[in-house]
Amino acid sequence: MQIAESTSGAVTIAAIEGRLDTATAAAAEERLAALVAAGPLVVDLAAVRYVSSAGLRVLLKTAKQAQAAGTRFAVCALQPAVLEVFEISGFDRIIDAFPTQAEAVAAS
């Protein structure tokens, strides 16, 4: 798993590539926690083909950290399989998910 970081105005964009699973969850959690502490964060999942329950926990924990800090958190560009996991688990009602990075940044 790789996380590429960029910014758009005041919003940090973390583009994850690879799997978000048990093997990568700890590293992803650490990096996303640091990024969300700095301000609004959009996690681009366009290059993520698989998210396990451990990966979902990372995203949920990051969303809760953002809420506690009073900042925005969203995900975008979910692939069909990842979007299905989000919808089945109900995460689409907990975490803001946008079809494109531009829409997520505009909402942040």
N, C-alpha and C. Protein backbone atom coordinates (compact mmCIF):
# COMPACT_ATOMS: atom_id res chain seq x y z
N MET A 1 0.83 -1.18 0.00
CA MET A 1 0.00 0.00 0.00
C MET A 1 0.87 1.24 0.00
N GLN A 2 0.47 2.20 -0.79
CA GLN A 2 1.16 3.49 -0.86
C GLN A 2 0.13 4.59 -0.59
N ILE A 3 0.57 5.67 0.04
CA ILE A 3 -0.28 6.84 0.24
C ILE A 3 0.45 8.05 -0.33
N ALA A 4 -0.14 8.62 -1.39
CA ALA A 4 0.42 9.83 -2.00
C ALA A 4 -0.39 11.02 -1.48
N GLU A 5 0.32 12.03 -1.04
CA GLU A 5 -0.33 13.20 -0.46
C GLU A 5 -0.20 14.40 -1.38
N SER A 6 -1.29 15.18 -1.44
CA SER A 6 -1.28 16.44 -2.18
C SER A 6 -2.26 17.37 -1.48
N THR A 7 -2.32 18.61 -1.92
CA THR A 7 -3.26 19.56 -1.33
C THR A 7 -4.03 20.28 -2.42
N SER A 8 -5.21 20.70 -2.06
CA SER A 8 -6.05 21.53 -2.92
C SER A 8 -6.64 22.59 -2.00
N GLY A 9 -6.07 23.77 -2.03
CA GLY A 9 -6.45 24.81 -1.09
C GLY A 9 -6.06 24.37 0.31
N ALA A 10 -7.02 24.37 1.23
CA ALA A 10 -6.75 23.97 2.61
C ALA A 10 -6.98 22.48 2.84
N VAL A 11 -7.39 21.77 1.79
CA VAL A 11 -7.74 20.35 1.92
C VAL A 11 -6.54 19.47 1.54
N THR A 12 -6.24 18.51 2.41
CA THR A 12 -5.21 17.52 2.10
C THR A 12 -5.90 16.33 1.44
N ILE A 13 -5.27 15.83 0.39
CA ILE A 13 -5.79 14.66 -0.33
C ILE A 13 -4.80 13.53 -0.13
N ALA A 14 -5.29 12.41 0.38
CA ALA A 14 -4.46 11.21 0.56
C ALA A 14 -4.97 10.16 -0.42
N ALA A 15 -4.18 9.91 -1.46
CA ALA A 15 -4.57 8.92 -2.47
C ALA A 15 -3.91 7.59 -2.09
N ILE A 16 -4.75 6.62 -1.76
CA ILE A 16 -4.25 5.31 -1.35
C ILE A 16 -4.22 4.40 -2.56
N GLU A 17 -3.14 3.64 -2.68
CA GLU A 17 -3.02 2.68 -3.76
C GLU A 17 -2.72 1.31 -3.15
N GLY A 18 -3.46 0.30 -3.59
CA GLY A 18 -3.25 -1.05 -3.10
C GLY A 18 -4.42 -1.52 -2.25
N ARG A 19 -4.15 -2.42 -1.36
CA ARG A 19 -5.19 -2.99 -0.49
C ARG A 19 -5.19 -2.27 0.86
N LEU A 20 -6.37 -2.10 1.39
CA LEU A 20 -6.52 -1.54 2.73
C LEU A 20 -7.06 -2.68 3.59
N ASP A 21 -6.13 -3.43 4.18
CA ASP A 21 -6.50 -4.65 4.90
C ASP A 21 -5.68 -4.77 6.18
N THR A 22 -5.74 -5.93 6.79
CA THR A 22 -5.05 -6.14 8.07
C THR A 22 -3.56 -5.84 7.97
N ALA A 23 -2.95 -6.21 6.87
CA ALA A 23 -1.50 -6.02 6.71
C ALA A 23 -1.12 -4.54 6.59
N THR A 24 -2.01 -3.72 6.08
CA THR A 24 -1.68 -2.31 5.84
C THR A 24 -2.41 -1.34 6.77
N ALA A 25 -3.32 -1.85 7.57
CA ALA A 25 -4.18 -0.98 8.40
C ALA A 25 -3.39 -0.12 9.37
N ALA A 26 -2.42 -0.68 10.04
CA ALA A 26 -1.68 0.09 11.06
C ALA A 26 -0.94 1.27 10.44
N ALA A 27 -0.28 1.04 9.31
CA ALA A 27 0.44 2.14 8.64
C ALA A 27 -0.53 3.18 8.12
N ALA A 28 -1.65 2.74 7.55
CA ALA A 28 -2.64 3.68 7.04
C ALA A 28 -3.24 4.50 8.18
N GLU A 29 -3.55 3.85 9.29
CA GLU A 29 -4.13 4.54 10.44
C GLU A 29 -3.21 5.63 10.96
N GLU A 30 -1.95 5.30 11.09
CA GLU A 30 -0.97 6.26 11.59
C GLU A 30 -0.86 7.47 10.67
N ARG A 31 -0.77 7.23 9.37
CA ARG A 31 -0.60 8.32 8.42
C ARG A 31 -1.86 9.19 8.33
N LEU A 32 -3.04 8.55 8.26
CA LEU A 32 -4.28 9.30 8.14
C LEU A 32 -4.57 10.11 9.41
N ALA A 33 -4.21 9.56 10.57
CA ALA A 33 -4.39 10.30 11.83
C ALA A 33 -3.57 11.58 11.82
N ALA A 34 -2.35 11.50 11.33
CA ALA A 34 -1.50 12.69 11.27
C ALA A 34 -2.07 13.71 10.28
N LEU A 35 -2.59 13.23 9.16
CA LEU A 35 -3.11 14.14 8.14
C LEU A 35 -4.40 14.82 8.60
N VAL A 36 -5.30 14.09 9.23
CA VAL A 36 -6.57 14.68 9.65
C VAL A 36 -6.36 15.64 10.82
N ALA A 37 -5.31 15.46 11.58
CA ALA A 37 -4.99 16.39 12.66
C ALA A 37 -4.59 17.76 12.12
N ALA A 38 -4.13 17.79 10.87
CA ALA A 38 -3.68 19.04 10.26
C ALA A 38 -4.80 19.82 9.59
N GLY A 39 -5.98 19.21 9.42
CA GLY A 39 -7.09 19.93 8.79
C GLY A 39 -7.93 19.01 7.92
N PRO A 40 -8.78 19.59 7.06
CA PRO A 40 -9.69 18.79 6.24
C PRO A 40 -8.93 17.75 5.41
N LEU A 41 -9.53 16.56 5.31
CA LEU A 41 -8.87 15.45 4.63
C LEU A 41 -9.84 14.74 3.71
N VAL A 42 -9.40 14.49 2.49
CA VAL A 42 -10.13 13.67 1.53
C VAL A 42 -9.24 12.47 1.22
N VAL A 43 -9.81 11.27 1.38
CA VAL A 43 -9.07 10.04 1.06
C VAL A 43 -9.59 9.54 -0.29
N ASP A 44 -8.70 9.55 -1.27
CA ASP A 44 -9.03 9.10 -2.62
C ASP A 44 -8.78 7.60 -2.70
N LEU A 45 -9.84 6.84 -2.95
CA LEU A 45 -9.74 5.38 -2.99
C LEU A 45 -9.80 4.83 -4.40
N ALA A 46 -9.51 5.65 -5.40
CA ALA A 46 -9.60 5.22 -6.80
C ALA A 46 -8.71 4.02 -7.11
N ALA A 47 -7.57 3.93 -6.45
CA ALA A 47 -6.63 2.84 -6.72
C ALA A 47 -6.68 1.74 -5.66
N VAL A 48 -7.75 1.73 -4.86
CA VAL A 48 -7.93 0.68 -3.86
C VAL A 48 -8.96 -0.31 -4.40
N ARG A 49 -8.54 -1.56 -4.52
CA ARG A 49 -9.42 -2.59 -5.08
C ARG A 49 -10.06 -3.46 -3.99
N TYR A 50 -9.54 -3.36 -2.76
CA TYR A 50 -10.04 -4.22 -1.68
C TYR A 50 -9.94 -3.49 -0.35
N VAL A 51 -11.02 -3.53 0.43
CA VAL A 51 -11.03 -2.98 1.78
C VAL A 51 -11.60 -4.06 2.70
N SER A 52 -10.82 -4.43 3.71
CA SER A 52 -11.29 -5.42 4.69
C SER A 52 -11.93 -4.70 5.86
N SER A 53 -12.40 -5.47 6.83
CA SER A 53 -12.98 -4.86 8.02
C SER A 53 -11.94 -4.03 8.76
N ALA A 54 -10.69 -4.44 8.72
CA ALA A 54 -9.62 -3.65 9.35
C ALA A 54 -9.46 -2.31 8.64
N GLY A 55 -9.58 -2.31 7.33
CA GLY A 55 -9.51 -1.07 6.56
C GLY A 55 -10.69 -0.16 6.86
N LEU A 56 -11.87 -0.75 7.00
CA LEU A 56 -13.05 0.04 7.36
C LEU A 56 -12.88 0.68 8.73
N ARG A 57 -12.29 -0.05 9.66
CA ARG A 57 -12.05 0.51 11.00
C ARG A 57 -11.12 1.71 10.94
N VAL A 58 -10.11 1.63 10.07
CA VAL A 58 -9.18 2.76 9.91
C VAL A 58 -9.95 3.99 9.43
N LEU A 59 -10.80 3.82 8.44
CA LEU A 59 -11.56 4.96 7.91
C LEU A 59 -12.54 5.49 8.95
N LEU A 60 -13.18 4.60 9.69
CA LEU A 60 -14.12 5.03 10.73
C LEU A 60 -13.39 5.80 11.84
N LYS A 61 -12.24 5.28 12.26
CA LYS A 61 -11.47 5.96 13.30
C LYS A 61 -11.02 7.34 12.83
N THR A 62 -10.60 7.44 11.58
CA THR A 62 -10.19 8.73 11.03
C THR A 62 -11.37 9.69 10.99
N ALA A 63 -12.54 9.20 10.59
CA ALA A 63 -13.75 10.04 10.56
C ALA A 63 -14.09 10.54 11.96
N LYS A 64 -13.97 9.68 12.95
CA LYS A 64 -14.26 10.09 14.33
C LYS A 64 -13.25 11.12 14.82
N GLN A 65 -11.98 10.96 14.45
CA GLN A 65 -10.96 11.93 14.83
C GLN A 65 -11.25 13.29 14.19
N ALA A 66 -11.68 13.27 12.94
CA ALA A 66 -12.01 14.51 12.25
C ALA A 66 -13.20 15.19 12.93
N GLN A 67 -14.20 14.41 13.28
CA GLN A 67 -15.38 14.97 13.94
C GLN A 67 -15.00 15.58 15.28
N ALA A 68 -14.16 14.89 16.05
CA ALA A 68 -13.73 15.40 17.35
C ALA A 68 -12.93 16.69 17.20
N ALA A 69 -12.17 16.79 16.10
CA ALA A 69 -11.36 17.98 15.87
C ALA A 69 -12.15 19.10 15.18
N GLY A 70 -13.38 18.80 14.78
CA GLY A 70 -14.20 19.80 14.10
C GLY A 70 -13.77 20.07 12.68
N THR A 71 -13.22 19.08 12.02
CA THR A 71 -12.77 19.25 10.64
C THR A 71 -13.50 18.27 9.74
N ARG A 72 -13.40 18.48 8.45
CA ARG A 72 -14.09 17.64 7.47
C ARG A 72 -13.26 16.42 7.09
N PHE A 73 -13.96 15.32 6.83
CA PHE A 73 -13.34 14.10 6.34
C PHE A 73 -14.27 13.47 5.33
N ALA A 74 -13.73 13.04 4.21
CA ALA A 74 -14.54 12.38 3.18
C ALA A 74 -13.66 11.40 2.41
N VAL A 75 -14.33 10.48 1.74
CA VAL A 75 -13.65 9.57 0.82
C VAL A 75 -14.23 9.82 -0.56
N CYS A 76 -13.47 9.42 -1.58
CA CYS A 76 -13.96 9.63 -2.94
C CYS A 76 -13.45 8.54 -3.87
N ALA A 77 -14.09 8.48 -5.03
CA ALA A 77 -13.68 7.62 -6.14
C ALA A 77 -13.62 6.14 -5.77
N LEU A 78 -14.61 5.68 -5.02
CA LEU A 78 -14.62 4.26 -4.61
C LEU A 78 -14.89 3.37 -5.82
N GLN A 79 -14.07 2.35 -5.98
CA GLN A 79 -14.28 1.36 -7.02
C GLN A 79 -15.55 0.57 -6.71
N PRO A 80 -16.20 -0.05 -7.70
CA PRO A 80 -17.46 -0.75 -7.46
C PRO A 80 -17.42 -1.75 -6.31
N ALA A 81 -16.37 -2.55 -6.20
CA ALA A 81 -16.30 -3.55 -5.12
C ALA A 81 -16.18 -2.87 -3.76
N VAL A 82 -15.42 -1.79 -3.68
CA VAL A 82 -15.23 -1.06 -2.43
C VAL A 82 -16.52 -0.32 -2.08
N LEU A 83 -17.18 0.26 -3.07
CA LEU A 83 -18.45 0.93 -2.83
C LEU A 83 -19.49 -0.05 -2.31
N GLU A 84 -19.50 -1.25 -2.85
CA GLU A 84 -20.44 -2.27 -2.38
C GLU A 84 -20.20 -2.59 -0.91
N VAL A 85 -18.94 -2.73 -0.51
CA VAL A 85 -18.61 -2.98 0.90
C VAL A 85 -19.09 -1.82 1.76
N PHE A 86 -18.87 -0.59 1.29
CA PHE A 86 -19.32 0.59 2.02
C PHE A 86 -20.83 0.56 2.22
N GLU A 87 -21.55 0.25 1.16
CA GLU A 87 -23.02 0.25 1.24
C GLU A 87 -23.54 -0.88 2.11
N ILE A 88 -22.99 -2.07 1.97
CA ILE A 88 -23.45 -3.22 2.77
C ILE A 88 -23.18 -2.99 4.25
N SER A 89 -22.04 -2.40 4.56
CA SER A 89 -21.68 -2.18 5.97
C SER A 89 -22.36 -0.95 6.57
N GLY A 90 -22.98 -0.14 5.73
CA GLY A 90 -23.63 1.07 6.22
C GLY A 90 -22.69 2.26 6.35
N PHE A 91 -21.46 2.11 5.92
CA PHE A 91 -20.48 3.19 6.05
C PHE A 91 -20.84 4.37 5.15
N ASP A 92 -21.63 4.13 4.11
CA ASP A 92 -22.04 5.23 3.24
C ASP A 92 -22.97 6.20 3.98
N ARG A 93 -23.51 5.78 5.12
CA ARG A 93 -24.35 6.67 5.93
C ARG A 93 -23.55 7.33 7.05
N ILE A 94 -22.32 6.88 7.27
CA ILE A 94 -21.48 7.40 8.34
C ILE A 94 -20.40 8.34 7.81
N ILE A 95 -19.82 7.96 6.68
CA ILE A 95 -18.70 8.70 6.09
C ILE A 95 -19.15 9.29 4.76
N ASP A 96 -18.92 10.58 4.56
CA ASP A 96 -19.26 11.21 3.28
C ASP A 96 -18.42 10.59 2.17
N ALA A 97 -19.09 10.11 1.12
CA ALA A 97 -18.41 9.50 -0.02
C ALA A 97 -18.86 10.21 -1.29
N PHE A 98 -17.91 10.60 -2.09
CA PHE A 98 -18.18 11.35 -3.32
C PHE A 98 -17.65 10.59 -4.53
N PRO A 99 -18.32 10.75 -5.68
CA PRO A 99 -17.87 10.04 -6.89
C PRO A 99 -16.49 10.49 -7.38
N THR A 100 -16.18 11.77 -7.20
CA THR A 100 -14.90 12.29 -7.70
C THR A 100 -14.15 13.06 -6.62
N GLN A 101 -12.86 13.18 -6.84
CA GLN A 101 -12.03 13.95 -5.93
C GLN A 101 -12.44 15.41 -5.91
N ALA A 102 -12.76 15.96 -7.08
CA ALA A 102 -13.15 17.37 -7.16
C ALA A 102 -14.41 17.64 -6.34
N GLU A 103 -15.38 16.74 -6.38
CA GLU A 103 -16.61 16.93 -5.59
C GLU A 103 -16.32 16.85 -4.10
N ALA A 104 -15.45 15.94 -3.71
CA ALA A 104 -15.11 15.79 -2.30
C ALA A 104 -14.38 17.03 -1.78
N VAL A 105 -13.46 17.54 -2.58
CA VAL A 105 -12.71 18.74 -2.17
C VAL A 105 -13.66 19.93 -2.09
N ALA A 106 -14.56 20.06 -3.05
CA ALA A 106 -15.49 21.19 -3.05
C ALA A 106 -16.40 21.17 -1.82
N ALA A 107 -16.73 19.98 -1.32
CA ALA A 107 -17.61 19.86 -0.17
C ALA A 107 -16.87 20.04 1.15
N SER A 108 -15.54 20.03 1.11
CA SER A 108 -14.75 20.09 2.35
C SER A 108 -14.48 21.46 2.81
